[in-house]
């Protein structure tokens, strides 16, 4: 098995092959095939796009090693557990603030509008769920 130091040049070369000296052409019926250089972005549905996103945001996992999981390439799940709904809210707000601060240093942002919250209860929880709103970035969810 190769060490990380040995793999690094291959990974850089593989990534560069997706991003270096590229061109594209828009195809329309009976149009000439004129290619233009592409200097930004990655190819649509390219296997390198999700990989680069995961590499870019990997530092976020160090902030909350046991509560943050990757649901899909650009979807995160933040999970907390405590003895009360109020504590869960406070933990979610705290961890969200940490991830958001770390993400801003990486140029990564989060959409509050796309945030989904799930509250799990067990049968022995007889109290109704709290109606206390959860606030992230001053937006009530």
C-alpha atoms as a PDB file:
ATOM      1  CA  UNK A   1       0.000   0.000   0.000  1.00  0.00           C
ATOM      2  CA  UNK A   2       1.313   3.455  -0.902  1.00  0.00           C
ATOM      3  CA  UNK A   3       1.791   6.103   1.767  1.00  0.00           C
ATOM      4  CA  UNK A   4      -0.038   9.442   1.623  1.00  0.00           C
ATOM      5  CA  UNK A   5       3.219  11.082   0.589  1.00  0.00           C
ATOM      6  CA  UNK A   6       3.516   8.698  -2.363  1.00  0.00           C
ATOM      7  CA  UNK A   7      -0.165   9.055  -3.359  1.00  0.00           C
ATOM      8  CA  UNK A   8      -0.190  12.874  -3.259  1.00  0.00           C
ATOM      9  CA  UNK A   9       1.568  13.444  -6.633  1.00  0.00           C
ATOM     10  CA  UNK A  10      -0.860  11.044  -8.333  1.00  0.00           C
ATOM     11  CA  UNK A  11      -3.871  12.747  -6.747  1.00  0.00           C
ATOM     12  CA  UNK A  12      -2.626  16.170  -7.851  1.00  0.00           C
ATOM     13  CA  UNK A  13      -1.982  14.871 -11.366  1.00  0.00           C
ATOM     14  CA  UNK A  14      -5.409  13.197 -11.555  1.00  0.00           C
ATOM     15  CA  UNK A  15      -7.187  16.371 -10.354  1.00  0.00           C
ATOM     16  CA  UNK A  16      -5.161  18.592 -12.678  1.00  0.00           C
ATOM     17  CA  UNK A  17      -6.171  16.430 -15.656  1.00  0.00           C
ATOM     18  CA  UNK A  18      -9.805  17.445 -15.013  1.00  0.00           C
ATOM     19  CA  UNK A  19      -9.001  21.140 -14.617  1.00  0.00           C
ATOM     20  CA  UNK A  20      -6.091  21.922 -16.926  1.00  0.00           C
ATOM     21  CA  UNK A  21      -6.120  22.911 -20.624  1.00  0.00           C
ATOM     22  CA  UNK A  22      -9.810  22.240 -21.182  1.00  0.00           C
ATOM     23  CA  UNK A  23     -12.133  23.471 -23.874  1.00  0.00           C
ATOM     24  CA  UNK A  24     -15.810  23.194 -24.623  1.00  0.00           C
ATOM     25  CA  UNK A  25     -18.093  23.440 -27.588  1.00  0.00           C
ATOM     26  CA  UNK A  26     -21.809  24.201 -27.796  1.00  0.00           C
ATOM     27  CA  UNK A  27     -23.479  21.951 -30.307  1.00  0.00           C
ATOM     28  CA  UNK A  28     -26.509  23.022 -32.270  1.00  0.00           C
ATOM     29  CA  UNK A  29     -27.900  21.401 -35.375  1.00  0.00           C
ATOM     30  CA  UNK A  30     -25.872  22.444 -38.426  1.00  0.00           C
ATOM     31  CA  UNK A  31     -23.623  24.762 -36.398  1.00  0.00           C
ATOM     32  CA  UNK A  32     -19.849  24.817 -36.755  1.00  0.00           C
ATOM     33  CA  UNK A  33     -17.899  23.082 -34.005  1.00  0.00           C
ATOM     34  CA  UNK A  34     -15.990  25.952 -32.442  1.00  0.00           C
ATOM     35  CA  UNK A  35     -14.144  25.139 -29.240  1.00  0.00           C
ATOM     36  CA  UNK A  36     -13.415  27.744 -26.569  1.00  0.00           C
ATOM     37  CA  UNK A  37     -10.996  27.424 -23.647  1.00  0.00           C
ATOM     38  CA  UNK A  38     -12.481  26.810 -20.182  1.00  0.00           C
ATOM     39  CA  UNK A  39     -10.551  28.166 -17.224  1.00  0.00           C
ATOM     40  CA  UNK A  40     -13.022  27.796 -14.321  1.00  0.00           C
ATOM     41  CA  UNK A  41     -15.371  25.163 -12.938  1.00  0.00           C
ATOM     42  CA  UNK A  42     -15.548  21.449 -13.490  1.00  0.00           C
ATOM     43  CA  UNK A  43     -17.328  19.424 -16.113  1.00  0.00           C
ATOM     44  CA  UNK A  44     -20.999  18.679 -15.463  1.00  0.00           C
ATOM     45  CA  UNK A  45     -21.328  15.289 -13.748  1.00  0.00           C
ATOM     46  CA  UNK A  46     -17.582  14.979 -13.516  1.00  0.00           C
ATOM     47  CA  UNK A  47     -16.380  12.504 -10.860  1.00  0.00           C
ATOM     48  CA  UNK A  48     -13.913  15.100  -9.642  1.00  0.00           C
ATOM     49  CA  UNK A  49     -16.593  17.651  -8.643  1.00  0.00           C
ATOM     50  CA  UNK A  50     -18.004  15.764  -5.621  1.00  0.00           C
ATOM     51  CA  UNK A  51     -14.532  14.661  -4.605  1.00  0.00           C
ATOM     52  CA  UNK A  52     -13.239  18.229  -4.564  1.00  0.00           C
ATOM     53  CA  UNK A  53     -16.235  19.345  -2.492  1.00  0.00           C
ATOM     54  CA  UNK A  54     -15.599  16.612   0.076  1.00  0.00           C
ATOM     55  CA  UNK A  55     -11.904  17.533   0.250  1.00  0.00           C
ATOM     56  CA  UNK A  56     -12.755  21.223   0.566  1.00  0.00           C
ATOM     57  CA  UNK A  57     -15.169  20.739   3.473  1.00  0.00           C
ATOM     58  CA  UNK A  58     -13.280  17.945   5.252  1.00  0.00           C
ATOM     59  CA  UNK A  59     -11.999  20.438   7.851  1.00  0.00           C
ATOM     60  CA  UNK A  60     -15.572  20.979   9.048  1.00  0.00           C
ATOM     61  CA  UNK A  61     -15.658  17.431  10.397  1.00  0.00           C
ATOM     62  CA  UNK A  62     -12.842  18.224  12.792  1.00  0.00           C
ATOM     63  CA  UNK A  63     -15.066  20.755  14.556  1.00  0.00           C
ATOM     64  CA  UNK A  64     -17.707  18.201  15.577  1.00  0.00           C
ATOM     65  CA  UNK A  65     -16.208  14.751  15.011  1.00  0.00           C
ATOM     66  CA  UNK A  66     -19.179  12.702  16.286  1.00  0.00           C
ATOM     67  CA  UNK A  67     -22.139  14.910  15.427  1.00  0.00           C
ATOM     68  CA  UNK A  68     -21.565  15.896  11.808  1.00  0.00           C
ATOM     69  CA  UNK A  69     -22.074  13.449   8.975  1.00  0.00           C
ATOM     70  CA  UNK A  70     -22.058  13.801   5.239  1.00  0.00           C
ATOM     71  CA  UNK A  71     -25.468  12.880   3.852  1.00  0.00           C
ATOM     72  CA  UNK A  72     -24.536  13.601   0.259  1.00  0.00           C
ATOM     73  CA  UNK A  73     -21.735  15.581  -1.336  1.00  0.00           C
ATOM     74  CA  UNK A  74     -23.099  18.963  -0.308  1.00  0.00           C
ATOM     75  CA  UNK A  75     -25.570  17.924   2.412  1.00  0.00           C
ATOM     76  CA  UNK A  76     -24.617  17.699   6.047  1.00  0.00           C
ATOM     77  CA  UNK A  77     -26.485  16.147   8.944  1.00  0.00           C
ATOM     78  CA  UNK A  78     -25.850  17.575  12.391  1.00  0.00           C
ATOM     79  CA  UNK A  79     -26.984  15.243  15.155  1.00  0.00           C
ATOM     80  CA  UNK A  80     -27.133  15.935  18.871  1.00  0.00           C
ATOM     81  CA  UNK A  81     -28.550  14.034  21.779  1.00  0.00           C
ATOM     82  CA  UNK A  82     -29.398  15.157  25.288  1.00  0.00           C
ATOM     83  CA  UNK A  83     -32.045  14.715  27.937  1.00  0.00           C
ATOM     84  CA  UNK A  84     -34.200  17.636  26.847  1.00  0.00           C
ATOM     85  CA  UNK A  85     -35.539  19.409  23.818  1.00  0.00           C
ATOM     86  CA  UNK A  86     -34.136  22.727  25.097  1.00  0.00           C
ATOM     87  CA  UNK A  87     -30.633  21.243  25.459  1.00  0.00           C
ATOM     88  CA  UNK A  88     -30.840  19.810  21.954  1.00  0.00           C
ATOM     89  CA  UNK A  89     -31.738  23.248  20.577  1.00  0.00           C
ATOM     90  CA  UNK A  90     -28.832  24.854  22.397  1.00  0.00           C
ATOM     91  CA  UNK A  91     -26.409  22.167  21.210  1.00  0.00           C
ATOM     92  CA  UNK A  92     -27.607  22.475  17.601  1.00  0.00           C
ATOM     93  CA  UNK A  93     -27.255  26.258  17.703  1.00  0.00           C
ATOM     94  CA  UNK A  94     -23.773  26.006  19.236  1.00  0.00           C
ATOM     95  CA  UNK A  95     -22.532  23.422  16.734  1.00  0.00           C
ATOM     96  CA  UNK A  96     -24.100  25.241  13.798  1.00  0.00           C
ATOM     97  CA  UNK A  97     -22.305  28.448  14.832  1.00  0.00           C
ATOM     98  CA  UNK A  98     -18.981  26.574  14.999  1.00  0.00           C
ATOM     99  CA  UNK A  99     -19.463  24.932  11.605  1.00  0.00           C
ATOM    100  CA  UNK A 100     -20.610  28.186  10.028  1.00  0.00           C
ATOM    101  CA  UNK A 101     -17.569  30.071  11.373  1.00  0.00           C
ATOM    102  CA  UNK A 102     -15.182  27.370  10.163  1.00  0.00           C
ATOM    103  CA  UNK A 103     -16.998  27.178   6.812  1.00  0.00           C
ATOM    104  CA  UNK A 104     -16.710  30.921   6.241  1.00  0.00           C
ATOM    105  CA  UNK A 105     -12.923  30.596   6.572  1.00  0.00           C
ATOM    106  CA  UNK A 106     -13.068  27.995   3.775  1.00  0.00           C
ATOM    107  CA  UNK A 107     -15.464  30.042   1.628  1.00  0.00           C
ATOM    108  CA  UNK A 108     -18.324  27.617   2.344  1.00  0.00           C
ATOM    109  CA  UNK A 109     -21.803  28.876   3.213  1.00  0.00           C
ATOM    110  CA  UNK A 110     -24.972  27.222   4.472  1.00  0.00           C
ATOM    111  CA  UNK A 111     -28.570  27.834   3.467  1.00  0.00           C
ATOM    112  CA  UNK A 112     -30.942  28.304   6.374  1.00  0.00           C
ATOM    113  CA  UNK A 113     -33.870  28.065   3.943  1.00  0.00           C
ATOM    114  CA  UNK A 114     -32.844  24.507   3.075  1.00  0.00           C
ATOM    115  CA  UNK A 115     -32.345  23.450   6.678  1.00  0.00           C
ATOM    116  CA  UNK A 116     -34.449  20.529   7.858  1.00  0.00           C
ATOM    117  CA  UNK A 117     -34.862  19.670  11.510  1.00  0.00           C
ATOM    118  CA  UNK A 118     -35.998  16.317  12.806  1.00  0.00           C
ATOM    119  CA  UNK A 119     -36.901  15.755  16.431  1.00  0.00           C
ATOM    120  CA  UNK A 120     -37.011  12.142  17.612  1.00  0.00           C
ATOM    121  CA  UNK A 121     -38.930  11.127  20.710  1.00  0.00           C
ATOM    122  CA  UNK A 122     -39.023   7.810  22.469  1.00  0.00           C
ATOM    123  CA  UNK A 123     -42.236   6.280  23.848  1.00  0.00           C
ATOM    124  CA  UNK A 124     -41.432   7.095  27.454  1.00  0.00           C
ATOM    125  CA  UNK A 125     -41.343  10.828  26.620  1.00  0.00           C
ATOM    126  CA  UNK A 126     -44.859  11.710  27.738  1.00  0.00           C
ATOM    127  CA  UNK A 127     -44.396  15.443  27.508  1.00  0.00           C
ATOM    128  CA  UNK A 128     -45.417  16.983  24.216  1.00  0.00           C
ATOM    129  CA  UNK A 129     -42.557  18.346  22.114  1.00  0.00           C
ATOM    130  CA  UNK A 130     -41.643  21.891  22.903  1.00  0.00           C
ATOM    131  CA  UNK A 131     -43.115  24.626  20.774  1.00  0.00           C
ATOM    132  CA  UNK A 132     -40.020  26.742  21.377  1.00  0.00           C
ATOM    133  CA  UNK A 133     -38.795  27.895  17.978  1.00  0.00           C
ATOM    134  CA  UNK A 134     -35.276  27.153  16.879  1.00  0.00           C
ATOM    135  CA  UNK A 135     -33.294  30.097  15.612  1.00  0.00           C
ATOM    136  CA  UNK A 136     -30.248  29.903  13.334  1.00  0.00           C
ATOM    137  CA  UNK A 137     -28.762  33.181  12.138  1.00  0.00           C
ATOM    138  CA  UNK A 138     -31.811  35.030  13.510  1.00  0.00           C
ATOM    139  CA  UNK A 139     -34.106  32.969  11.249  1.00  0.00           C
ATOM    140  CA  UNK A 140     -36.821  30.976  12.993  1.00  0.00           C
ATOM    141  CA  UNK A 141     -37.172  27.397  11.794  1.00  0.00           C
END
